[in-house]
N, C-alpha and C. Protein backbone atom coordinates (compact mmCIF):
# COMPACT_ATOMS: atom_id res chain seq x y z
N UNK A 1 231.17 162.63 -43.43
CA UNK A 1 232.63 162.54 -43.05
C UNK A 1 232.88 161.09 -43.51
N UNK A 2 233.90 161.10 -44.52
CA UNK A 2 234.64 159.83 -44.73
C UNK A 2 234.71 160.01 -46.29
N UNK A 3 234.74 161.09 -46.91
CA UNK A 3 234.80 161.07 -48.23
C UNK A 3 236.22 161.05 -48.71
N UNK A 4 236.93 161.02 -48.01
CA UNK A 4 238.63 160.83 -48.20
C UNK A 4 239.10 159.30 -47.79
N UNK A 5 238.31 158.53 -47.34
CA UNK A 5 238.72 157.14 -46.86
C UNK A 5 239.26 157.10 -45.33
N UNK A 6 238.83 158.22 -44.66
CA UNK A 6 239.74 158.28 -43.25
C UNK A 6 238.71 157.68 -42.51
N UNK A 7 237.52 156.88 -42.51
CA UNK A 7 236.66 156.03 -42.00
C UNK A 7 237.28 154.74 -41.75
N UNK A 8 237.85 154.39 -43.02
CA UNK A 8 238.55 152.95 -43.01
C UNK A 8 237.62 151.76 -43.39
N UNK A 9 236.46 151.99 -43.87
CA UNK A 9 235.59 151.13 -44.34
C UNK A 9 235.89 150.61 -45.94
N UNK A 10 236.78 151.09 -46.55
CA UNK A 10 236.96 150.84 -47.69
C UNK A 10 236.71 151.33 -48.87
N UNK A 11 235.71 152.49 -48.70
CA UNK A 11 234.93 153.38 -49.38
C UNK A 11 235.50 154.70 -49.38
N UNK A 12 235.32 155.76 -50.53
CA UNK A 12 235.46 157.18 -50.38
C UNK A 12 233.99 157.81 -50.10
N UNK A 13 233.03 156.98 -49.52
CA UNK A 13 231.74 157.78 -49.21
C UNK A 13 231.69 158.06 -47.67
N UNK A 14 230.76 159.00 -47.50
CA UNK A 14 230.24 159.53 -46.32
C UNK A 14 229.73 158.31 -45.36
N UNK A 15 229.96 158.57 -43.95
CA UNK A 15 229.13 157.64 -43.03
C UNK A 15 228.72 158.02 -41.99
N UNK A 16 227.99 158.11 -41.59
CA UNK A 16 227.00 158.76 -40.25
C UNK A 16 227.23 157.76 -39.15
N UNK A 17 227.50 156.71 -39.32
CA UNK A 17 227.51 155.64 -38.38
C UNK A 17 228.93 154.74 -38.23
N UNK A 18 229.36 154.13 -36.90
CA UNK A 18 230.48 153.47 -36.98
C UNK A 18 230.38 152.16 -37.80
N UNK A 19 231.47 151.70 -38.13
CA UNK A 19 231.45 150.60 -39.14
C UNK A 19 232.39 149.68 -38.41
N UNK A 20 232.41 148.48 -38.64
CA UNK A 20 233.54 147.56 -37.84
C UNK A 20 234.66 147.55 -39.12
N UNK A 21 235.85 147.58 -39.20
CA UNK A 21 236.80 147.39 -40.21
C UNK A 21 237.35 146.04 -40.05
N UNK A 22 236.74 145.22 -40.97
CA UNK A 22 237.22 144.07 -41.06
C UNK A 22 238.53 143.58 -41.09
N UNK A 23 239.48 144.50 -42.01
CA UNK A 23 240.74 144.56 -41.96
C UNK A 23 241.46 144.24 -40.37
N UNK A 24 241.02 144.62 -39.49
CA UNK A 24 241.78 144.70 -38.27
C UNK A 24 240.92 143.19 -37.26
N UNK A 25 240.34 142.63 -37.82
CA UNK A 25 240.06 141.33 -37.47
C UNK A 25 241.01 140.46 -36.86
N UNK A 26 241.11 140.16 -35.47
CA UNK A 26 242.40 139.43 -35.26
C UNK A 26 243.59 140.00 -34.49
N UNK A 27 243.41 141.38 -34.84
CA UNK A 27 244.47 142.32 -34.28
C UNK A 27 243.87 143.19 -33.09
N UNK A 28 244.96 143.61 -32.04
CA UNK A 28 244.38 144.34 -31.26
C UNK A 28 244.81 145.67 -31.35
N UNK A 29 244.00 146.74 -31.40
CA UNK A 29 244.19 148.31 -31.54
C UNK A 29 244.42 148.58 -30.15
N UNK A 30 245.34 149.30 -30.22
CA UNK A 30 245.92 150.09 -28.69
C UNK A 30 245.92 151.31 -28.68
N UNK A 31 246.02 151.86 -30.07
CA UNK A 31 246.24 153.45 -30.21
C UNK A 31 245.28 153.78 -31.27
N UNK A 32 244.47 154.76 -31.38
CA UNK A 32 244.16 155.51 -32.69
C UNK A 32 244.43 157.10 -32.41
N UNK A 33 244.51 157.41 -33.67
CA UNK A 33 244.95 158.89 -33.84
C UNK A 33 244.42 159.54 -34.89
N UNK A 34 243.66 160.37 -35.25
CA UNK A 34 242.93 160.99 -35.93
C UNK A 34 242.81 162.38 -36.25
N UNK A 35 243.29 162.52 -37.65
CA UNK A 35 243.63 164.27 -37.83
C UNK A 35 242.27 164.54 -38.59
N UNK A 36 242.03 165.35 -39.30
CA UNK A 36 240.92 166.25 -39.94
C UNK A 36 240.36 165.24 -40.89
N UNK A 37 241.32 164.36 -42.01
CA UNK A 37 240.72 163.80 -42.82
C UNK A 37 241.49 162.37 -42.76
N UNK A 38 242.37 161.92 -41.72
CA UNK A 38 243.10 160.84 -41.61
C UNK A 38 243.21 159.87 -40.66
N UNK A 39 243.68 158.89 -40.66
CA UNK A 39 243.37 158.11 -39.34
C UNK A 39 244.52 157.11 -39.16
N UNK A 40 245.50 157.07 -38.04
CA UNK A 40 246.15 155.96 -37.73
C UNK A 40 245.89 155.16 -36.69
N UNK A 41 246.05 153.94 -36.86
CA UNK A 41 246.00 153.20 -35.58
C UNK A 41 247.16 152.05 -35.34
N UNK A 42 247.60 152.03 -34.10
CA UNK A 42 248.74 151.20 -33.53
C UNK A 42 248.12 149.78 -32.98
N UNK A 43 248.79 148.89 -33.38
CA UNK A 43 248.28 147.29 -32.93
C UNK A 43 249.30 147.10 -31.72
N UNK A 44 249.07 146.17 -31.16
CA UNK A 44 249.50 145.59 -29.84
C UNK A 44 251.02 145.00 -30.31
N UNK A 45 251.16 144.86 -31.67
CA UNK A 45 252.17 143.92 -32.01
C UNK A 45 253.23 145.64 -32.60
N UNK A 46 252.91 146.39 -32.49
CA UNK A 46 253.76 147.73 -32.81
C UNK A 46 253.81 147.72 -34.45
N UNK A 47 252.68 147.38 -35.17
CA UNK A 47 252.30 147.56 -36.60
C UNK A 47 251.42 149.00 -36.63
N UNK A 48 251.87 149.97 -37.57
CA UNK A 48 251.02 151.04 -37.84
C UNK A 48 250.59 151.19 -38.76
N UNK A 49 249.18 151.44 -39.14
CA UNK A 49 248.39 151.57 -40.11
C UNK A 49 248.01 152.93 -40.18
N UNK A 50 247.80 153.25 -41.54
CA UNK A 50 247.13 154.83 -41.93
C UNK A 50 246.26 154.75 -43.29
N UNK A 51 245.37 155.43 -43.20
CA UNK A 51 244.65 155.74 -44.30
C UNK A 51 243.98 157.12 -44.18
N UNK A 52 243.39 157.34 -45.22
CA UNK A 52 242.38 158.58 -45.51
C UNK A 52 243.05 159.45 -46.38
N UNK A 53 243.12 161.00 -45.98
CA UNK A 53 243.44 162.02 -46.91
C UNK A 53 245.05 162.08 -47.12
N UNK A 54 245.76 161.73 -47.95
CA UNK A 54 247.12 161.93 -47.99
C UNK A 54 247.74 162.64 -49.15
N UNK A 55 246.89 163.88 -49.53
CA UNK A 55 247.55 164.68 -50.55
C UNK A 55 248.65 165.73 -49.95
N UNK A 56 248.73 165.69 -48.99
CA UNK A 56 250.09 166.32 -48.23
C UNK A 56 250.62 165.35 -47.85
N UNK A 57 250.86 164.04 -47.98
CA UNK A 57 251.55 163.07 -47.42
C UNK A 57 251.37 162.76 -46.07
N UNK A 58 250.01 163.21 -45.25
CA UNK A 58 249.72 162.84 -44.09
C UNK A 58 249.70 161.14 -43.64
N UNK A 59 249.64 160.62 -44.84
CA UNK A 59 249.40 158.98 -44.47
C UNK A 59 251.03 158.41 -44.37
N UNK A 60 252.00 159.12 -45.02
CA UNK A 60 253.21 158.43 -44.49
C UNK A 60 253.63 157.58 -45.45
N UNK A 61 252.90 157.32 -46.77
CA UNK A 61 253.38 156.38 -47.72
C UNK A 61 254.47 156.81 -48.52
N UNK A 62 254.52 157.94 -48.72
CA UNK A 62 255.38 158.95 -49.62
C UNK A 62 254.63 159.10 -51.11
N UNK A 63 253.46 158.74 -51.09
CA UNK A 63 252.48 159.25 -52.11
C UNK A 63 251.70 160.34 -51.82
N UNK A 64 251.07 161.30 -52.70
CA UNK A 64 250.42 162.17 -52.24
C UNK A 64 249.02 161.59 -52.57
N UNK A 65 248.25 160.86 -52.08
CA UNK A 65 246.90 160.50 -52.96
C UNK A 65 246.21 160.10 -51.46
N UNK A 66 245.02 160.37 -51.62
CA UNK A 66 244.04 159.34 -50.82
C UNK A 66 244.34 157.89 -50.61
N UNK A 67 244.14 157.12 -49.47
CA UNK A 67 244.01 155.79 -49.31
C UNK A 67 242.81 155.19 -48.49
N UNK A 68 242.53 154.19 -48.68
CA UNK A 68 241.48 153.58 -48.26
C UNK A 68 242.22 151.98 -47.46
N UNK A 69 241.54 151.43 -46.53
CA UNK A 69 241.88 150.17 -46.22
C UNK A 69 241.44 148.96 -47.02
């Protein structure tokens, strides 16, 4: 799992164990939502981040490609 960037560790590689996402250091995540191959995170400041499979527009960037943090 993770070949589309949905793990958030900055790579398109599989990962079998959890990894810290340094991008979120100093941010308080209050909610996480995960789809089949994409992930969204909401911070306490109402900032919404998304990453992973985006070939059908799942990440909401208006681009149809996979993204990583």
